[in-house]
N, C-alpha and C. Protein backbone atom coordinates (compact mmCIF):
# COMPACT_ATOMS: atom_id res chain seq x y z
N MET A 1 0.79 -1.20 0.03
CA MET A 1 0.00 0.00 0.03
C MET A 1 0.83 1.24 -0.03
N LYS A 2 1.92 1.18 0.67
CA LYS A 2 2.81 2.34 0.72
C LYS A 2 3.37 2.71 -0.59
N LYS A 3 3.62 1.65 -1.32
CA LYS A 3 4.26 1.87 -2.68
C LYS A 3 3.21 2.54 -3.56
N ASN A 4 1.93 2.16 -3.51
CA ASN A 4 1.01 2.77 -4.33
C ASN A 4 0.77 4.28 -3.98
N THR A 5 0.82 4.59 -2.73
CA THR A 5 0.72 5.95 -2.27
C THR A 5 1.88 6.71 -2.75
N PHE A 6 3.03 6.16 -2.58
CA PHE A 6 4.33 6.88 -3.04
C PHE A 6 4.25 7.14 -4.50
N LEU A 7 3.83 6.13 -5.30
CA LEU A 7 3.69 6.31 -6.69
C LEU A 7 2.62 7.41 -7.11
N TYR A 8 1.62 7.43 -6.37
CA TYR A 8 0.55 8.37 -6.61
C TYR A 8 1.08 9.82 -6.26
N LEU A 9 1.75 9.94 -5.23
CA LEU A 9 2.34 11.33 -4.86
C LEU A 9 3.41 11.68 -5.88
N LEU A 10 4.21 10.80 -6.35
CA LEU A 10 5.16 11.02 -7.35
C LEU A 10 4.61 11.48 -8.62
N PHE A 11 3.57 10.78 -9.12
CA PHE A 11 2.90 11.25 -10.36
C PHE A 11 2.22 12.57 -10.17
N MET A 12 1.63 12.80 -8.99
CA MET A 12 1.01 14.15 -8.77
C MET A 12 2.02 15.26 -8.79
N ASN A 13 3.28 15.04 -8.14
CA ASN A 13 4.24 16.02 -8.20
C ASN A 13 4.73 16.28 -9.64
N ILE A 14 4.89 15.18 -10.36
CA ILE A 14 5.38 15.36 -11.75
C ILE A 14 4.36 16.08 -12.58
N PHE A 15 3.07 15.77 -12.33
CA PHE A 15 1.99 16.54 -13.04
C PHE A 15 1.95 17.98 -12.69
N LEU A 16 2.13 18.38 -11.40
CA LEU A 16 2.17 19.70 -10.90
C LEU A 16 3.39 20.43 -11.51
N LEU A 17 4.59 19.77 -11.55
CA LEU A 17 5.78 20.41 -12.16
C LEU A 17 5.48 20.67 -13.65
N LEU A 18 4.88 19.74 -14.25
CA LEU A 18 4.62 19.92 -15.71
C LEU A 18 3.68 21.14 -15.93
N CYS A 19 2.65 21.21 -15.07
CA CYS A 19 1.76 22.37 -15.12
C CYS A 19 2.49 23.65 -14.90
N LEU A 20 3.41 23.68 -13.90
CA LEU A 20 4.17 24.94 -13.60
C LEU A 20 5.10 25.25 -14.79
N PHE A 21 5.77 24.20 -15.40
CA PHE A 21 6.61 24.49 -16.55
C PHE A 21 5.89 25.08 -17.70
N LEU A 22 4.67 24.58 -17.94
CA LEU A 22 3.81 25.08 -19.06
C LEU A 22 3.41 26.54 -18.78
N GLU A 23 3.06 26.79 -17.53
CA GLU A 23 2.75 28.18 -17.12
C GLU A 23 3.84 29.09 -17.26
N ILE A 24 5.10 28.75 -16.92
CA ILE A 24 6.26 29.54 -17.10
C ILE A 24 6.56 29.84 -18.52
N ILE A 25 6.40 28.76 -19.37
CA ILE A 25 6.65 28.92 -20.87
C ILE A 25 5.61 29.93 -21.48
N LYS A 26 4.30 29.73 -20.97
CA LYS A 26 3.26 30.61 -21.44
C LYS A 26 3.56 32.07 -21.02
N THR A 27 3.93 32.28 -19.78
CA THR A 27 4.23 33.64 -19.27
C THR A 27 5.38 34.25 -20.03
N ARG A 28 6.47 33.48 -20.27
CA ARG A 28 7.59 34.09 -21.09
C ARG A 28 7.23 34.40 -22.43
N TRP A 29 6.43 33.58 -23.08
CA TRP A 29 5.95 33.84 -24.42
C TRP A 29 5.11 35.09 -24.48
N GLN A 30 4.24 35.32 -23.40
CA GLN A 30 3.45 36.51 -23.42
C GLN A 30 4.36 37.79 -23.16
N PHE A 31 5.39 37.62 -22.32
CA PHE A 31 6.30 38.70 -22.15
C PHE A 31 7.05 39.10 -23.45
N SER A 32 7.39 38.03 -24.25
CA SER A 32 8.11 38.34 -25.49
C SER A 32 7.16 39.00 -26.49
N GLN A 33 5.85 38.56 -26.48
CA GLN A 33 4.93 39.24 -27.42
C GLN A 33 4.69 40.68 -27.04
N GLU A 34 4.56 40.95 -25.69
CA GLU A 34 4.37 42.28 -25.29
C GLU A 34 5.53 43.16 -25.52
N TYR A 35 6.77 42.63 -25.43
CA TYR A 35 7.97 43.42 -25.78
C TYR A 35 7.97 43.79 -27.28
N GLU A 36 7.65 42.72 -28.14
CA GLU A 36 7.58 43.09 -29.59
C GLU A 36 6.42 44.05 -29.90
N ASN A 37 5.33 43.98 -29.23
CA ASN A 37 4.27 44.88 -29.43
C ASN A 37 4.72 46.30 -28.91
N ASN A 38 5.41 46.42 -27.88
CA ASN A 38 5.93 47.68 -27.40
C ASN A 38 6.91 48.31 -28.36
N ALA A 39 7.79 47.46 -28.90
CA ALA A 39 8.77 47.92 -29.95
C ALA A 39 8.02 48.48 -31.13
N TYR A 40 7.04 47.69 -31.62
CA TYR A 40 6.19 48.15 -32.77
C TYR A 40 5.47 49.48 -32.47
N LEU A 41 4.92 49.67 -31.25
CA LEU A 41 4.28 50.92 -30.89
C LEU A 41 5.20 52.07 -30.87
N LYS A 42 6.41 51.83 -30.33
CA LYS A 42 7.41 52.86 -30.41
C LYS A 42 7.74 53.38 -31.81
N VAL A 43 7.95 52.37 -32.73
CA VAL A 43 8.15 52.70 -34.16
C VAL A 43 7.04 53.52 -34.72
N ALA A 44 5.85 52.98 -34.46
CA ALA A 44 4.71 53.72 -35.01
C ALA A 44 4.49 55.09 -34.41
N ASN A 45 4.84 55.25 -33.11
CA ASN A 45 4.71 56.59 -32.49
C ASN A 45 5.72 57.47 -33.08
N ASN A 46 7.03 57.03 -33.34
CA ASN A 46 7.98 57.92 -34.03
C ASN A 46 7.55 58.26 -35.43
N LYS A 47 6.95 57.42 -36.16
CA LYS A 47 6.46 57.75 -37.48
C LYS A 47 5.37 58.81 -37.43
N LEU A 48 4.45 58.65 -36.41
CA LEU A 48 3.39 59.64 -36.26
C LEU A 48 3.87 60.97 -35.83
N ILE A 49 4.96 60.98 -34.95
CA ILE A 49 5.52 62.24 -34.58
C ILE A 49 6.12 62.96 -35.75
N GLU A 50 6.82 62.18 -36.59
CA GLU A 50 7.39 62.76 -37.86
C GLU A 50 6.32 63.29 -38.73
N ILE A 51 5.30 62.63 -38.98
CA ILE A 51 4.20 63.02 -39.87
C ILE A 51 3.57 64.31 -39.26
N ASN A 52 3.32 64.36 -37.86
CA ASN A 52 2.84 65.49 -37.24
C ASN A 52 3.70 66.71 -37.41
N PHE A 53 4.94 66.55 -37.37
CA PHE A 53 5.89 67.62 -37.58
C PHE A 53 5.78 68.18 -38.96
N ASN A 54 5.79 67.22 -39.95
CA ASN A 54 5.64 67.64 -41.37
C ASN A 54 4.37 68.41 -41.60
N LEU A 55 3.35 67.91 -41.05
CA LEU A 55 1.99 68.58 -41.30
C LEU A 55 2.01 69.94 -40.58
N LYS A 56 2.56 70.05 -39.41
CA LYS A 56 2.60 71.42 -38.79
C LYS A 56 3.47 72.42 -39.59
N THR A 57 4.60 71.91 -40.14
CA THR A 57 5.45 72.74 -40.96
C THR A 57 4.74 73.15 -42.20
N GLU A 58 3.98 72.23 -42.83
CA GLU A 58 3.20 72.60 -44.06
C GLU A 58 2.06 73.58 -43.72
N TYR A 59 1.45 73.36 -42.63
CA TYR A 59 0.40 74.29 -42.16
C TYR A 59 0.97 75.71 -41.97
N HIS A 60 2.10 75.83 -41.29
CA HIS A 60 2.68 77.15 -41.06
C HIS A 60 3.22 77.78 -42.40
N HIS A 61 3.62 76.95 -43.27
CA HIS A 61 4.03 77.45 -44.58
C HIS A 61 2.91 78.01 -45.40
N LEU A 62 1.82 77.19 -45.29
CA LEU A 62 0.65 77.57 -46.18
C LEU A 62 -0.10 78.80 -45.58
N SER A 63 0.01 78.98 -44.28
CA SER A 63 -0.70 80.07 -43.66
C SER A 63 0.19 81.29 -43.42
N SER A 64 1.37 81.27 -43.97
CA SER A 64 2.27 82.41 -43.55
C SER A 64 1.81 83.69 -44.32
N PRO A 65 2.00 84.81 -43.76
CA PRO A 65 1.62 86.09 -44.36
C PRO A 65 2.08 86.29 -45.74
N ALA A 66 3.29 85.94 -46.06
CA ALA A 66 3.84 86.11 -47.44
C ALA A 66 3.08 85.27 -48.40
N LYS A 67 2.70 84.11 -48.01
CA LYS A 67 1.97 83.11 -48.98
C LYS A 67 0.60 83.76 -49.17
N VAL A 68 -0.07 84.22 -48.05
CA VAL A 68 -1.42 84.83 -48.26
C VAL A 68 -1.34 86.05 -49.11
N GLU A 69 -0.36 86.84 -48.98
CA GLU A 69 -0.21 88.13 -49.78
C GLU A 69 -0.01 87.71 -51.17
N ARG A 70 0.84 86.76 -51.50
CA ARG A 70 1.10 86.33 -52.90
C ARG A 70 -0.16 85.73 -53.54
N HIS A 71 -0.94 85.03 -52.83
CA HIS A 71 -2.17 84.48 -53.27
C HIS A 71 -3.17 85.61 -53.64
N ALA A 72 -3.21 86.59 -52.81
CA ALA A 72 -4.15 87.69 -52.99
C ALA A 72 -3.70 88.49 -54.25
N LYS A 73 -2.42 88.63 -54.45
CA LYS A 73 -1.93 89.47 -55.55
C LYS A 73 -2.14 88.60 -56.89
N GLU A 74 -1.85 87.34 -56.87
CA GLU A 74 -1.88 86.59 -58.09
C GLU A 74 -3.32 86.10 -58.43
N SER A 75 -3.95 85.45 -57.57
CA SER A 75 -5.20 84.84 -57.84
C SER A 75 -6.35 85.81 -57.80
N LEU A 76 -6.39 86.64 -56.82
CA LEU A 76 -7.49 87.61 -56.61
C LEU A 76 -7.37 88.94 -57.26
N LYS A 77 -6.12 89.10 -57.91
CA LYS A 77 -5.81 90.43 -58.63
C LYS A 77 -5.94 91.56 -57.70
N MET A 78 -5.52 91.48 -56.49
CA MET A 78 -5.57 92.68 -55.56
C MET A 78 -4.30 93.42 -55.69
N VAL A 79 -4.37 94.69 -55.44
CA VAL A 79 -3.17 95.57 -55.55
C VAL A 79 -2.87 96.19 -54.16
N GLU A 80 -1.68 96.45 -53.96
CA GLU A 80 -1.33 97.09 -52.65
C GLU A 80 -1.56 98.63 -52.70
N ILE A 81 -2.16 99.09 -51.70
CA ILE A 81 -2.45 100.58 -51.64
C ILE A 81 -1.22 101.36 -51.41
N THR A 82 -0.93 102.28 -52.34
CA THR A 82 0.36 103.00 -52.12
C THR A 82 0.07 104.41 -51.55
N LYS A 83 -1.09 105.05 -51.95
CA LYS A 83 -1.39 106.35 -51.40
C LYS A 83 -2.84 106.41 -51.18
N VAL A 84 -3.15 107.32 -50.18
CA VAL A 84 -4.49 107.37 -49.67
C VAL A 84 -5.22 108.44 -50.48
N THR A 85 -6.38 108.05 -50.99
CA THR A 85 -7.18 109.07 -51.71
C THR A 85 -8.52 109.22 -51.02
N ASN A 86 -8.88 110.43 -50.88
CA ASN A 86 -10.21 110.73 -50.16
C ASN A 86 -11.27 111.03 -51.21
N ILE A 87 -12.36 110.43 -51.10
CA ILE A 87 -13.47 110.63 -51.96
C ILE A 87 -14.65 111.29 -51.20
N ASN A 88 -14.99 112.50 -51.69
CA ASN A 88 -16.09 113.21 -51.03
C ASN A 88 -17.32 113.07 -51.88
N TYR A 89 -18.37 112.73 -51.32
CA TYR A 89 -19.67 112.62 -52.02
C TYR A 89 -20.51 113.82 -51.66
N GLU A 90 -20.97 114.45 -52.71
CA GLU A 90 -21.78 115.66 -52.46
C GLU A 90 -23.14 115.39 -52.88
N LYS A 91 -24.09 115.97 -52.10
CA LYS A 91 -25.53 115.72 -52.37
C LYS A 91 -26.10 116.78 -53.22
């Protein structure tokens, strides 16, 4: 009877160790996946920062006063006022 109990406890210990090893392997795999995901997110964040910088630069370039003035002169045919003229309306 002692031998059967001893074998039963031995197999239970082996089974528990196997479960623990599988859990350790699963946890390490999850850590590696999270590390790769973190690295991918850092790369994606750097790309988005670069795109954001380019868009801000383009926005400031397009809304600069010189650009607006050139658009007004060329497209809208506006002229710069050089001297002031007063118009008096008589009734």
